[in-house]
Each structure stands twice: as structure tokens, then as C-alpha cells.
Amino acid sequence: MRFEREAPAFAEPISAAELKVGSVYFAVQYFDDDLLTPGMEALVFVGRNLGSEDTDQLYFQDAGSYRDGVRFGSAKDAVFHVQSENEVNHIFEYERAVDVLLRCLLRRRERAARG
């Protein structure tokens, strides 16, 4: 199978204003400074300012526990990520996350070609 797609020149994370409660997003972060070793995690946006003293905080939950019915405030195990509204430049909709990984693939190929 062959798949052709143009890699955008820059990453397009979702804005905090566009997030929808209950929707799945993808966190893409790198484990190295050369941006060659990515990690991607499926997260569900579960709301804003869920803590009693929160201001401009966004809450994401691991997709697996959300799928299993675990919700914020329950006693069951789940992983929650709390991010400031200004710090979501690593959160993407699915296709934009694929674009980020495609750019990584191209960087890796370029590095391998240079030897």
C-alpha cells in the first residue's frame, strides 16, 4: 500500500478554545532535542478548572480509563494531565498529530541519508 501526503511546514496544535469535552486528542512530545524520538498518547478532554481553586486549567484523561467509564473524582485509577490553557502546543487532533509524526519521519530519513 502506498500513501502520499504532504507534510505541513509547521505543527498545528488545537487551541484551548476549540477543545470539546469528551473528545479524543493526541499529545505528541519528543524524548530528544533533535525531535527524532516521538511519543504519542491518546487523551480525552474532560473539562476546565475541575479543581476548586483552578484558573485557566485544562484537564485531560488517559483514553483507556475514560473508555472504561472512569471519571474525574471517582476512586478508580486513571491518569489525569492538568495543563495551563497557554501550554497545549503539544495537543493535536488526530490528523494534525499524524502530520507531526510525518515531519518526524522526514527528519529521521534526512538524518539517515546524511549518515
PDB file of N, CA and C in Angstrom:
ATOM      1  N   MET A   1       0.839  -1.167   0.000  1.00  0.00           N
ATOM      2  CA  MET A   1       0.000   0.000   0.000  1.00  0.00           C
ATOM      3  C   MET A   1       0.894   1.243   0.000  1.00  0.00           C
ATOM      4  N   ARG A   2       0.528   2.209  -0.753  1.00  0.00           N
ATOM      5  CA  ARG A   2       1.274   3.463  -0.803  1.00  0.00           C
ATOM      6  C   ARG A   2       0.341   4.594  -0.391  1.00  0.00           C
ATOM      7  N   PHE A   3       0.872   5.480   0.434  1.00  0.00           N
ATOM      8  CA  PHE A   3       0.078   6.598   0.929  1.00  0.00           C
ATOM      9  C   PHE A   3       0.892   7.865   0.736  1.00  0.00           C
ATOM     10  N   GLU A   4       0.347   8.785   0.017  1.00  0.00           N
ATOM     11  CA  GLU A   4       1.068  10.047  -0.203  1.00  0.00           C
ATOM     12  C   GLU A   4       0.326  11.166   0.493  1.00  0.00           C
ATOM     13  N   ARG A   5       1.102  11.988   1.153  1.00  0.00           N
ATOM     14  CA  ARG A   5       0.537  13.099   1.920  1.00  0.00           C
ATOM     15  C   ARG A   5       1.599  14.177   2.020  1.00  0.00           C
ATOM     16  N   GLU A   6       1.210  15.370   1.898  1.00  0.00           N
ATOM     17  CA  GLU A   6       2.142  16.485   2.013  1.00  0.00           C
ATOM     18  C   GLU A   6       2.342  16.833   3.490  1.00  0.00           C
ATOM     19  N   ALA A   7       3.577  16.972   3.894  1.00  0.00           N
ATOM     20  CA  ALA A   7       3.878  17.342   5.281  1.00  0.00           C
ATOM     21  C   ALA A   7       3.822  18.863   5.419  1.00  0.00           C
ATOM     22  N   PRO A   8       3.007  19.368   6.349  1.00  0.00           N
ATOM     23  CA  PRO A   8       2.945  20.817   6.537  1.00  0.00           C
ATOM     24  C   PRO A   8       4.271  21.344   7.078  1.00  0.00           C
ATOM     25  N   ALA A   9       4.515  22.612   6.866  1.00  0.00           N
ATOM     26  CA  ALA A   9       5.777  23.225   7.283  1.00  0.00           C
ATOM     27  C   ALA A   9       5.872  23.388   8.803  1.00  0.00           C
ATOM     28  N   PHE A  10       4.742  23.398   9.490  1.00  0.00           N
ATOM     29  CA  PHE A  10       4.774  23.594  10.939  1.00  0.00           C
ATOM     30  C   PHE A  10       3.631  22.821  11.594  1.00  0.00           C
ATOM     31  N   ALA A  11       3.782  22.548  12.869  1.00  0.00           N
ATOM     32  CA  ALA A  11       2.761  21.825  13.629  1.00  0.00           C
ATOM     33  C   ALA A  11       1.537  22.712  13.843  1.00  0.00           C
ATOM     34  N   GLU A  12       0.363  22.089  13.864  1.00  0.00           N
ATOM     35  CA  GLU A  12      -0.880  22.824  14.067  1.00  0.00           C
ATOM     36  C   GLU A  12      -1.646  22.255  15.266  1.00  0.00           C
ATOM     37  N   PRO A  13      -1.223  22.605  16.487  1.00  0.00           N
ATOM     38  CA  PRO A  13      -1.947  22.109  17.667  1.00  0.00           C
ATOM     39  C   PRO A  13      -3.344  22.727  17.742  1.00  0.00           C
ATOM     40  N   ILE A  14      -4.207  22.078  18.473  1.00  0.00           N
ATOM     41  CA  ILE A  14      -5.550  22.624  18.667  1.00  0.00           C
ATOM     42  C   ILE A  14      -5.466  23.756  19.683  1.00  0.00           C
ATOM     43  N   SER A  15      -6.302  24.744  19.547  1.00  0.00           N
ATOM     44  CA  SER A  15      -6.307  25.837  20.530  1.00  0.00           C
ATOM     45  C   SER A  15      -7.186  25.434  21.704  1.00  0.00           C
ATOM     46  N   ALA A  16      -6.913  26.010  22.846  1.00  0.00           N
ATOM     47  CA  ALA A  16      -7.696  25.714  24.048  1.00  0.00           C
ATOM     48  C   ALA A  16      -9.176  26.015  23.816  1.00  0.00           C
ATOM     49  N   ALA A  17      -9.475  27.044  23.060  1.00  0.00           N
ATOM     50  CA  ALA A  17     -10.866  27.425  22.802  1.00  0.00           C
ATOM     51  C   ALA A  17     -11.612  26.387  21.967  1.00  0.00           C
ATOM     52  N   GLU A  18     -10.898  25.597  21.181  1.00  0.00           N
ATOM     53  CA  GLU A  18     -11.524  24.599  20.305  1.00  0.00           C
ATOM     54  C   GLU A  18     -11.791  23.260  20.978  1.00  0.00           C
ATOM     55  N   LEU A  19     -11.223  23.031  22.155  1.00  0.00           N
ATOM     56  CA  LEU A  19     -11.376  21.743  22.832  1.00  0.00           C
ATOM     57  C   LEU A  19     -12.827  21.473  23.191  1.00  0.00           C
ATOM     58  N   LYS A  20     -13.238  20.205  23.001  1.00  0.00           N
ATOM     59  CA  LYS A  20     -14.598  19.794  23.314  1.00  0.00           C
ATOM     60  C   LYS A  20     -14.557  18.673  24.356  1.00  0.00           C
ATOM     61  N   VAL A  21     -15.305  18.819  25.418  1.00  0.00           N
ATOM     62  CA  VAL A  21     -15.359  17.811  26.471  1.00  0.00           C
ATOM     63  C   VAL A  21     -15.819  16.486  25.871  1.00  0.00           C
ATOM     64  N   GLY A  22     -15.098  15.421  26.217  1.00  0.00           N
ATOM     65  CA  GLY A  22     -15.424  14.083  25.737  1.00  0.00           C
ATOM     66  C   GLY A  22     -14.760  13.714  24.422  1.00  0.00           C
ATOM     67  N   SER A  23     -14.060  14.648  23.791  1.00  0.00           N
ATOM     68  CA  SER A  23     -13.374  14.368  22.523  1.00  0.00           C
ATOM     69  C   SER A  23     -11.963  13.865  22.776  1.00  0.00           C
ATOM     70  N   VAL A  24     -11.501  13.007  21.870  1.00  0.00           N
ATOM     71  CA  VAL A  24     -10.160  12.433  21.964  1.00  0.00           C
ATOM     72  C   VAL A  24      -9.174  13.328  21.227  1.00  0.00           C
ATOM     73  N   TYR A  25      -8.038  13.584  21.875  1.00  0.00           N
ATOM     74  CA  TYR A  25      -6.942  14.352  21.290  1.00  0.00           C
ATOM     75  C   TYR A  25      -5.661  13.548  21.491  1.00  0.00           C
ATOM     76  N   PHE A  26      -4.597  13.989  20.860  1.00  0.00           N
ATOM     77  CA  PHE A  26      -3.342  13.254  20.917  1.00  0.00           C
ATOM     78  C   PHE A  26      -2.225  14.182  21.362  1.00  0.00           C
ATOM     79  N   ALA A  27      -1.548  13.791  22.437  1.00  0.00           N
ATOM     80  CA  ALA A  27      -0.385  14.535  22.920  1.00  0.00           C
ATOM     81  C   ALA A  27       0.834  13.953  22.217  1.00  0.00           C
ATOM     82  N   VAL A  28       1.579  14.806  21.537  1.00  0.00           N
ATOM     83  CA  VAL A  28       2.811  14.375  20.869  1.00  0.00           C
ATOM     84  C   VAL A  28       3.955  15.156  21.495  1.00  0.00           C
ATOM     85  N   GLN A  29       4.868  14.399  22.091  1.00  0.00           N
ATOM     86  CA  GLN A  29       6.037  15.015  22.711  1.00  0.00           C
ATOM     87  C   GLN A  29       7.272  14.232  22.284  1.00  0.00           C
ATOM     88  N   TYR A  30       8.425  14.860  22.390  1.00  0.00           N
ATOM     89  CA  TYR A  30       9.669  14.238  21.960  1.00  0.00           C
ATOM     90  C   TYR A  30      10.545  13.928  23.161  1.00  0.00           C
ATOM     91  N   PHE A  31      11.304  12.847  23.032  1.00  0.00           N
ATOM     92  CA  PHE A  31      12.199  12.416  24.089  1.00  0.00           C
ATOM     93  C   PHE A  31      13.641  12.846  23.837  1.00  0.00           C
ATOM     94  N   ASP A  32      13.843  13.614  22.777  1.00  0.00           N
ATOM     95  CA  ASP A  32      15.199  14.063  22.444  1.00  0.00           C
ATOM     96  C   ASP A  32      15.158  15.475  21.865  1.00  0.00           C
ATOM     97  N   ASP A  33      16.285  16.162  21.923  1.00  0.00           N
ATOM     98  CA  ASP A  33      16.371  17.541  21.438  1.00  0.00           C
ATOM     99  C   ASP A  33      16.333  17.652  19.918  1.00  0.00           C
ATOM    100  N   ASP A  34      16.659  16.567  19.214  1.00  0.00           N
ATOM    101  CA  ASP A  34      16.667  16.593  17.751  1.00  0.00           C
ATOM    102  C   ASP A  34      15.290  16.308  17.153  1.00  0.00           C
ATOM    103  N   LEU A  35      14.305  16.078  18.000  1.00  0.00           N
ATOM    104  CA  LEU A  35      12.926  15.798  17.571  1.00  0.00           C
ATOM    105  C   LEU A  35      12.858  14.577  16.661  1.00  0.00           C
ATOM    106  N   LEU A  36      13.582  13.517  17.060  1.00  0.00           N
ATOM    107  CA  LEU A  36      13.617  12.285  16.273  1.00  0.00           C
ATOM    108  C   LEU A  36      12.948  11.113  16.987  1.00  0.00           C
ATOM    109  N   THR A  37      12.648  11.268  18.279  1.00  0.00           N
ATOM    110  CA  THR A  37      12.061  10.180  19.057  1.00  0.00           C
ATOM    111  C   THR A  37      10.756  10.667  19.682  1.00  0.00           C
ATOM    112  N   PRO A  38       9.648  10.495  18.955  1.00  0.00           N
ATOM    113  CA  PRO A  38       8.368  10.991  19.457  1.00  0.00           C
ATOM    114  C   PRO A  38       7.649   9.980  20.332  1.00  0.00           C
ATOM    115  N   GLY A  39       6.782  10.502  21.161  1.00  0.00           N
ATOM    116  CA  GLY A  39       5.844   9.691  21.914  1.00  0.00           C
ATOM    117  C   GLY A  39       4.469  10.284  21.684  1.00  0.00           C
ATOM    118  N   MET A  40       3.466   9.425  21.545  1.00  0.00           N
ATOM    119  CA  MET A  40       2.111   9.917  21.304  1.00  0.00           C
ATOM    120  C   MET A  40       1.162   9.204  22.267  1.00  0.00           C
ATOM    121  N   GLU A  41       0.273   9.978  22.884  1.00  0.00           N
ATOM    122  CA  GLU A  41      -0.681   9.413  23.830  1.00  0.00           C
ATOM    123  C   GLU A  41      -2.071   9.939  23.511  1.00  0.00           C
ATOM    124  N   ALA A  42      -3.040   9.032  23.485  1.00  0.00           N
ATOM    125  CA  ALA A  42      -4.440   9.416  23.281  1.00  0.00           C
ATOM    126  C   ALA A  42      -5.008   9.902  24.610  1.00  0.00           C
ATOM    127  N   LEU A  43      -5.584  11.096  24.584  1.00  0.00           N
ATOM    128  CA  LEU A  43      -6.161  11.715  25.777  1.00  0.00           C
ATOM    129  C   LEU A  43      -7.571  12.203  25.478  1.00  0.00           C
ATOM    130  N   VAL A  44      -8.410  12.199  26.483  1.00  0.00           N
ATOM    131  CA  VAL A  44      -9.765  12.740  26.356  1.00  0.00           C
ATOM    132  C   VAL A  44      -9.820  14.038  27.146  1.00  0.00           C
ATOM    133  N   PHE A  45     -10.339  15.075  26.519  1.00  0.00           N
ATOM    134  CA  PHE A  45     -10.505  16.337  27.225  1.00  0.00           C
ATOM    135  C   PHE A  45     -11.718  16.194  28.136  1.00  0.00           C
ATOM    136  N   VAL A  46     -11.513  16.395  29.465  1.00  0.00           N
ATOM    137  CA  VAL A  46     -12.605  16.180  30.421  1.00  0.00           C
ATOM    138  C   VAL A  46     -13.117  17.470  31.065  1.00  0.00           C
ATOM    139  N   GLY A  47     -12.484  18.599  30.783  1.00  0.00           N
ATOM    140  CA  GLY A  47     -13.045  19.849  31.284  1.00  0.00           C
ATOM    141  C   GLY A  47     -12.027  20.887  31.695  1.00  0.00           C
ATOM    142  N   ARG A  48     -12.565  22.019  32.094  1.00  0.00           N
ATOM    143  CA  ARG A  48     -11.763  23.158  32.532  1.00  0.00           C
ATOM    144  C   ARG A  48     -11.983  23.393  34.024  1.00  0.00           C
ATOM    145  N   ASN A  49     -10.908  23.762  34.692  1.00  0.00           N
ATOM    146  CA  ASN A  49     -10.984  24.216  36.084  1.00  0.00           C
ATOM    147  C   ASN A  49     -11.799  23.259  36.970  1.00  0.00           C
ATOM    148  N   LEU A  50     -11.429  21.999  36.954  1.00  0.00           N
ATOM    149  CA  LEU A  50     -12.159  21.000  37.740  1.00  0.00           C
ATOM    150  C   LEU A  50     -11.775  21.023  39.219  1.00  0.00           C
ATOM    151  N   GLY A  51     -10.633  21.604  39.537  1.00  0.00           N
ATOM    152  CA  GLY A  51     -10.231  21.776  40.929  1.00  0.00           C
ATOM    153  C   GLY A  51     -10.867  23.024  41.498  1.00  0.00           C
ATOM    154  N   SER A  52     -11.102  23.027  42.790  1.00  0.00           N
ATOM    155  CA  SER A  52     -11.828  24.140  43.418  1.00  0.00           C
ATOM    156  C   SER A  52     -11.119  25.488  43.295  1.00  0.00           C
ATOM    157  N   GLU A  53      -9.798  25.480  43.159  1.00  0.00           N
ATOM    158  CA  GLU A  53      -9.070  26.746  43.093  1.00  0.00           C
ATOM    159  C   GLU A  53      -8.393  26.965  41.744  1.00  0.00           C
ATOM    160  N   ASP A  54      -8.829  26.234  40.735  1.00  0.00           N
ATOM    161  CA  ASP A  54      -8.207  26.319  39.410  1.00  0.00           C
ATOM    162  C   ASP A  54      -8.566  27.605  38.688  1.00  0.00           C
ATOM    163  N   THR A  55      -7.616  28.069  37.901  1.00  0.00           N
ATOM    164  CA  THR A  55      -7.830  29.173  36.977  1.00  0.00           C
ATOM    165  C   THR A  55      -7.118  28.819  35.685  1.00  0.00           C
ATOM    166  N   ASP A  56      -7.839  28.817  34.590  1.00  0.00           N
ATOM    167  CA  ASP A  56      -7.274  28.555  33.257  1.00  0.00           C
ATOM    168  C   ASP A  56      -6.558  27.206  33.173  1.00  0.00           C
ATOM    169  N   GLN A  57      -7.117  26.193  33.815  1.00  0.00           N
ATOM    170  CA  GLN A  57      -6.528  24.856  33.795  1.00  0.00           C
ATOM    171  C   GLN A  57      -7.394  23.914  32.954  1.00  0.00           C
ATOM    172  N   LEU A  58      -6.736  23.118  32.131  1.00  0.00           N
ATOM    173  CA  LEU A  58      -7.402  22.155  31.262  1.00  0.00           C
ATOM    174  C   LEU A  58      -7.087  20.755  31.764  1.00  0.00           C
ATOM    175  N   TYR A  59      -8.079  19.893  31.794  1.00  0.00           N
ATOM    176  CA  TYR A  59      -7.907  18.531  32.297  1.00  0.00           C
ATOM    177  C   TYR A  59      -8.086  17.527  31.161  1.00  0.00           C
ATOM    178  N   PHE A  60      -7.112  16.633  31.052  1.00  0.00           N
ATOM    179  CA  PHE A  60      -7.149  15.539  30.086  1.00  0.00           C
ATOM    180  C   PHE A  60      -6.998  14.232  30.853  1.00  0.00           C
ATOM    181  N   GLN A  61      -7.649  13.185  30.359  1.00  0.00           N
ATOM    182  CA  GLN A  61      -7.602  11.872  30.981  1.00  0.00           C
ATOM    183  C   GLN A  61      -7.110  10.858  29.962  1.00  0.00           C
ATOM    184  N   ASP A  62      -6.381   9.842  30.445  1.00  0.00           N
ATOM    185  CA  ASP A  62      -5.942   8.800  29.514  1.00  0.00           C
ATOM    186  C   ASP A  62      -7.174   8.149  28.890  1.00  0.00           C
ATOM    187  N   ALA A  63      -7.099   7.885  27.593  1.00  0.00           N
ATOM    188  CA  ALA A  63      -8.251   7.401  26.839  1.00  0.00           C
ATOM    189  C   ALA A  63      -8.730   6.032  27.314  1.00  0.00           C
ATOM    190  N   GLY A  64      -7.819   5.184  27.765  1.00  0.00           N
ATOM    191  CA  GLY A  64      -8.208   3.848  28.204  1.00  0.00           C
ATOM    192  C   GLY A  64      -9.132   3.868  29.406  1.00  0.00           C
ATOM    193  N   SER A  65      -8.776   4.624  30.434  1.00  0.00           N
ATOM    194  CA  SER A  65      -9.627   4.664  31.629  1.00  0.00           C
ATOM    195  C   SER A  65     -10.940   5.394  31.343  1.00  0.00           C
ATOM    196  N   TYR A  66     -10.895   6.389  30.471  1.00  0.00           N
ATOM    197  CA  TYR A  66     -12.127   7.088  30.097  1.00  0.00           C
ATOM    198  C   TYR A  66     -13.073   6.121  29.386  1.00  0.00           C
ATOM    199  N   ARG A  67     -12.522   5.330  28.475  1.00  0.00           N
ATOM    200  CA  ARG A  67     -13.309   4.325  27.757  1.00  0.00           C
ATOM    201  C   ARG A  67     -13.932   3.328  28.729  1.00  0.00           C
ATOM    202  N   ASP A  68     -13.204   3.026  29.812  1.00  0.00           N
ATOM    203  CA  ASP A  68     -13.686   2.073  30.809  1.00  0.00           C
ATOM    204  C   ASP A  68     -14.702   2.686  31.775  1.00  0.00           C
ATOM    205  N   GLY A  69     -15.028   3.950  31.608  1.00  0.00           N
ATOM    206  CA  GLY A  69     -16.056   4.584  32.424  1.00  0.00           C
ATOM    207  C   GLY A  69     -15.568   5.329  33.645  1.00  0.00           C
ATOM    208  N   VAL A  70     -14.251   5.394  33.845  1.00  0.00           N
ATOM    209  CA  VAL A  70     -13.708   6.132  34.986  1.00  0.00           C
ATOM    210  C   VAL A  70     -13.851   7.627  34.703  1.00  0.00           C
ATOM    211  N   ARG A  71     -14.303   8.367  35.691  1.00  0.00           N
ATOM    212  CA  ARG A  71     -14.470   9.806  35.523  1.00  0.00           C
ATOM    213  C   ARG A  71     -13.748  10.556  36.638  1.00  0.00           C
ATOM    214  N   PHE A  72     -13.468  11.825  36.377  1.00  0.00           N
ATOM    215  CA  PHE A  72     -12.767  12.674  37.341  1.00  0.00           C
ATOM    216  C   PHE A  72     -13.517  12.667  38.672  1.00  0.00           C
ATOM    217  N   GLY A  73     -12.772  12.483  39.748  1.00  0.00           N
ATOM    218  CA  GLY A  73     -13.358  12.498  41.080  1.00  0.00           C
ATOM    219  C   GLY A  73     -13.757  11.134  41.593  1.00  0.00           C
ATOM    220  N   SER A  74     -13.689  10.108  40.725  1.00  0.00           N
ATOM    221  CA  SER A  74     -14.026   8.764  41.203  1.00  0.00           C
ATOM    222  C   SER A  74     -12.819   8.179  41.930  1.00  0.00           C
ATOM    223  N   ALA A  75     -13.036   7.112  42.652  1.00  0.00           N
ATOM    224  CA  ALA A  75     -11.951   6.498  43.411  1.00  0.00           C
ATOM    225  C   ALA A  75     -11.124   5.543  42.554  1.00  0.00           C
ATOM    226  N   LYS A  76     -11.530   5.318  41.322  1.00  0.00           N
ATOM    227  CA  LYS A  76     -10.823   4.374  40.456  1.00  0.00           C
ATOM    228  C   LYS A  76      -9.582   5.014  39.850  1.00  0.00           C
ATOM    229  N   ASP A  77      -8.649   4.158  39.439  1.00  0.00           N
ATOM    230  CA  ASP A  77      -7.385   4.632  38.872  1.00  0.00           C
ATOM    231  C   ASP A  77      -7.560   5.185  37.468  1.00  0.00           C
ATOM    232  N   ALA A  78      -6.969   6.312  37.250  1.00  0.00           N
ATOM    233  CA  ALA A  78      -6.910   6.946  35.939  1.00  0.00           C
ATOM    234  C   ALA A  78      -5.743   7.920  35.968  1.00  0.00           C
ATOM    235  N   VAL A  79      -5.246   8.257  34.803  1.00  0.00           N
ATOM    236  CA  VAL A  79      -4.177   9.246  34.697  1.00  0.00           C
ATOM    237  C   VAL A  79      -4.788  10.535  34.164  1.00  0.00           C
ATOM    238  N   PHE A  80      -4.615  11.601  34.925  1.00  0.00           N
ATOM    239  CA  PHE A  80      -5.105  12.908  34.505  1.00  0.00           C
ATOM    240  C   PHE A  80      -3.916  13.822  34.280  1.00  0.00           C
ATOM    241  N   HIS A  81      -4.010  14.634  33.255  1.00  0.00           N
ATOM    242  CA  HIS A  81      -2.986  15.633  32.950  1.00  0.00           C
ATOM    243  C   HIS A  81      -3.651  16.994  33.073  1.00  0.00           C
ATOM    244  N   VAL A  82      -3.045  17.865  33.841  1.00  0.00           N
ATOM    245  CA  VAL A  82      -3.565  19.220  34.005  1.00  0.00           C
ATOM    246  C   VAL A  82      -2.597  20.160  33.317  1.00  0.00           C
ATOM    247  N   GLN A  83      -3.119  20.962  32.405  1.00  0.00           N
ATOM    248  CA  GLN A  83      -2.302  21.880  31.618  1.00  0.00           C
ATOM    249  C   GLN A  83      -2.888  23.282  31.698  1.00  0.00           C
ATOM    250  N   SER A  84      -2.022  24.259  31.734  1.00  0.00           N
ATOM    251  CA  SER A  84      -2.479  25.636  31.619  1.00  0.00           C
ATOM    252  C   SER A  84      -3.002  25.846  30.198  1.00  0.00           C
ATOM    253  N   GLU A  85      -3.981  26.702  30.048  1.00  0.00           N
ATOM    254  CA  GLU A  85      -4.517  26.984  28.708  1.00  0.00           C
ATOM    255  C   GLU A  85      -3.430  27.467  27.748  1.00  0.00           C
ATOM    256  N   ASN A  86      -2.349  28.025  28.284  1.00  0.00           N
ATOM    257  CA  ASN A  86      -1.252  28.540  27.449  1.00  0.00           C
ATOM    258  C   ASN A  86      -0.250  27.459  27.065  1.00  0.00           C
ATOM    259  N   GLU A  87      -0.413  26.253  27.592  1.00  0.00           N
ATOM    260  CA  GLU A  87       0.600  25.212  27.407  1.00  0.00           C
ATOM    261  C   GLU A  87       0.059  23.965  26.721  1.00  0.00           C
ATOM    262  N   VAL A  88      -0.707  24.144  25.652  1.00  0.00           N
ATOM    263  CA  VAL A  88      -1.264  22.981  24.951  1.00  0.00           C
ATOM    264  C   VAL A  88      -0.725  22.875  23.521  1.00  0.00           C
ATOM    265  N   ASN A  89       0.493  23.354  23.310  1.00  0.00           N
ATOM    266  CA  ASN A  89       1.051  23.300  21.952  1.00  0.00           C
ATOM    267  C   ASN A  89       1.501  21.897  21.557  1.00  0.00           C
ATOM    268  N   HIS A  90       1.269  20.920  22.409  1.00  0.00           N
ATOM    269  CA  HIS A  90       1.590  19.525  22.096  1.00  0.00           C
ATOM    270  C   HIS A  90       0.319  18.671  21.974  1.00  0.00           C
ATOM    271  N   ILE A  91      -0.848  19.305  21.977  1.00  0.00           N
ATOM    272  CA  ILE A  91      -2.131  18.606  21.882  1.00  0.00           C
ATOM    273  C   ILE A  91      -2.699  18.821  20.475  1.00  0.00           C
ATOM    274  N   PHE A  92      -3.037  17.703  19.818  1.00  0.00           N
ATOM    275  CA  PHE A  92      -3.466  17.759  18.424  1.00  0.00           C
ATOM    276  C   PHE A  92      -4.720  16.934  18.179  1.00  0.00           C
ATOM    277  N   GLU A  93      -5.475  17.322  17.168  1.00  0.00           N
ATOM    278  CA  GLU A  93      -6.492  16.441  16.620  1.00  0.00           C
ATOM    279  C   GLU A  93      -5.740  15.360  15.851  1.00  0.00           C
ATOM    280  N   TYR A  94      -6.408  14.253  15.573  1.00  0.00           N
ATOM    281  CA  TYR A  94      -5.730  13.078  15.010  1.00  0.00           C
ATOM    282  C   TYR A  94      -4.909  13.393  13.753  1.00  0.00           C
ATOM    283  N   GLU A  95      -5.519  13.995  12.761  1.00  0.00           N
ATOM    284  CA  GLU A  95      -4.794  14.235  11.509  1.00  0.00           C
ATOM    285  C   GLU A  95      -3.607  15.168  11.697  1.00  0.00           C
ATOM    286  N   ARG A  96      -3.735  16.142  12.570  1.00  0.00           N
ATOM    287  CA  ARG A  96      -2.605  17.048  12.815  1.00  0.00           C
ATOM    288  C   ARG A  96      -1.499  16.307  13.559  1.00  0.00           C
ATOM    289  N   ALA A  97      -1.838  15.348  14.425  1.00  0.00           N
ATOM    290  CA  ALA A  97      -0.819  14.527  15.098  1.00  0.00           C
ATOM    291  C   ALA A  97      -0.088  13.668  14.072  1.00  0.00           C
ATOM    292  N   VAL A  98      -0.823  13.136  13.115  1.00  0.00           N
ATOM    293  CA  VAL A  98      -0.196  12.363  12.037  1.00  0.00           C
ATOM    294  C   VAL A  98       0.781  13.252  11.266  1.00  0.00           C
ATOM    295  N   ASP A  99       0.408  14.497  11.022  1.00  0.00           N
ATOM    296  CA  ASP A  99       1.307  15.440  10.343  1.00  0.00           C
ATOM    297  C   ASP A  99       2.602  15.622  11.124  1.00  0.00           C
ATOM    298  N   VAL A 100       2.488  15.744  12.443  1.00  0.00           N
ATOM    299  CA  VAL A 100       3.671  15.910  13.293  1.00  0.00           C
ATOM    300  C   VAL A 100       4.575  14.683  13.175  1.00  0.00           C
ATOM    301  N   LEU A 101       3.974  13.496  13.214  1.00  0.00           N
ATOM    302  CA  LEU A 101       4.752  12.262  13.087  1.00  0.00           C
ATOM    303  C   LEU A 101       5.358  12.128  11.689  1.00  0.00           C
ATOM    304  N   LEU A 102       4.642  12.578  10.677  1.00  0.00           N
ATOM    305  CA  LEU A 102       5.187  12.558   9.313  1.00  0.00           C
ATOM    306  C   LEU A 102       6.413  13.465   9.212  1.00  0.00           C
ATOM    307  N   ARG A 103       6.350  14.627   9.805  1.00  0.00           N
ATOM    308  CA  ARG A 103       7.509  15.524   9.803  1.00  0.00           C
ATOM    309  C   ARG A 103       8.687  14.872  10.511  1.00  0.00           C
ATOM    310  N   CYS A 104       8.408  14.144  11.594  1.00  0.00           N
ATOM    311  CA  CYS A 104       9.446  13.413  12.306  1.00  0.00           C
ATOM    312  C   CYS A 104      10.047  12.338  11.402  1.00  0.00           C
ATOM    313  N   LEU A 105       9.216  11.607  10.687  1.00  0.00           N
ATOM    314  CA  LEU A 105       9.691  10.589   9.755  1.00  0.00           C
ATOM    315  C   LEU A 105      10.641  11.196   8.730  1.00  0.00           C
ATOM    316  N   LEU A 106      10.285  12.343   8.192  1.00  0.00           N
ATOM    317  CA  LEU A 106      11.132  13.002   7.197  1.00  0.00           C
ATOM    318  C   LEU A 106      12.461  13.453   7.812  1.00  0.00           C
ATOM    319  N   ARG A 107      12.434  13.957   9.046  1.00  0.00           N
ATOM    320  CA  ARG A 107      13.685  14.334   9.725  1.00  0.00           C
ATOM    321  C   ARG A 107      14.568  13.108   9.929  1.00  0.00           C
ATOM    322  N   ARG A 108      13.968  11.996  10.315  1.00  0.00           N
ATOM    323  CA  ARG A 108      14.725  10.762  10.542  1.00  0.00           C
ATOM    324  C   ARG A 108      15.358  10.267   9.240  1.00  0.00           C
ATOM    325  N   ARG A 109      14.592  10.329   8.150  1.00  0.00           N
ATOM    326  CA  ARG A 109      15.129   9.902   6.850  1.00  0.00           C
ATOM    327  C   ARG A 109      16.288  10.796   6.414  1.00  0.00           C
ATOM    328  N   GLU A 110      16.105  12.094   6.624  1.00  0.00           N
ATOM    329  CA  GLU A 110      17.159  13.048   6.256  1.00  0.00           C
ATOM    330  C   GLU A 110      18.423  12.773   7.069  1.00  0.00           C
ATOM    331  N   ARG A 111      18.253  12.524   8.356  1.00  0.00           N
ATOM    332  CA  ARG A 111      19.406  12.223   9.221  1.00  0.00           C
ATOM    333  C   ARG A 111      20.093  10.940   8.766  1.00  0.00           C
ATOM    334  N   ALA A 112      19.339   9.909   8.413  1.00  0.00           N
ATOM    335  CA  ALA A 112      19.905   8.631   7.954  1.00  0.00           C
ATOM    336  C   ALA A 112      20.625   8.800   6.626  1.00  0.00           C
ATOM    337  N   ALA A 113      20.100   9.647   5.745  1.00  0.00           N
ATOM    338  CA  ALA A 113      20.739   9.863   4.440  1.00  0.00           C
ATOM    339  C   ALA A 113      22.070  10.576   4.594  1.00  0.00           C
ATOM    340  N   ARG A 114      22.181  11.433   5.607  1.00  0.00           N
ATOM    341  CA  ARG A 114      23.447  12.144   5.859  1.00  0.00           C
ATOM    342  C   ARG A 114      24.486  11.206   6.475  1.00  0.00           C
ATOM    343  N   GLY A 115      24.005  10.112   7.046  1.00  0.00           N
ATOM    344  CA  GLY A 115      24.913   9.127   7.620  1.00  0.00           C
ATOM    345  C   GLY A 115      25.280   9.425   8.990  1.00  0.00           C
TER     346      GLY A 115
END
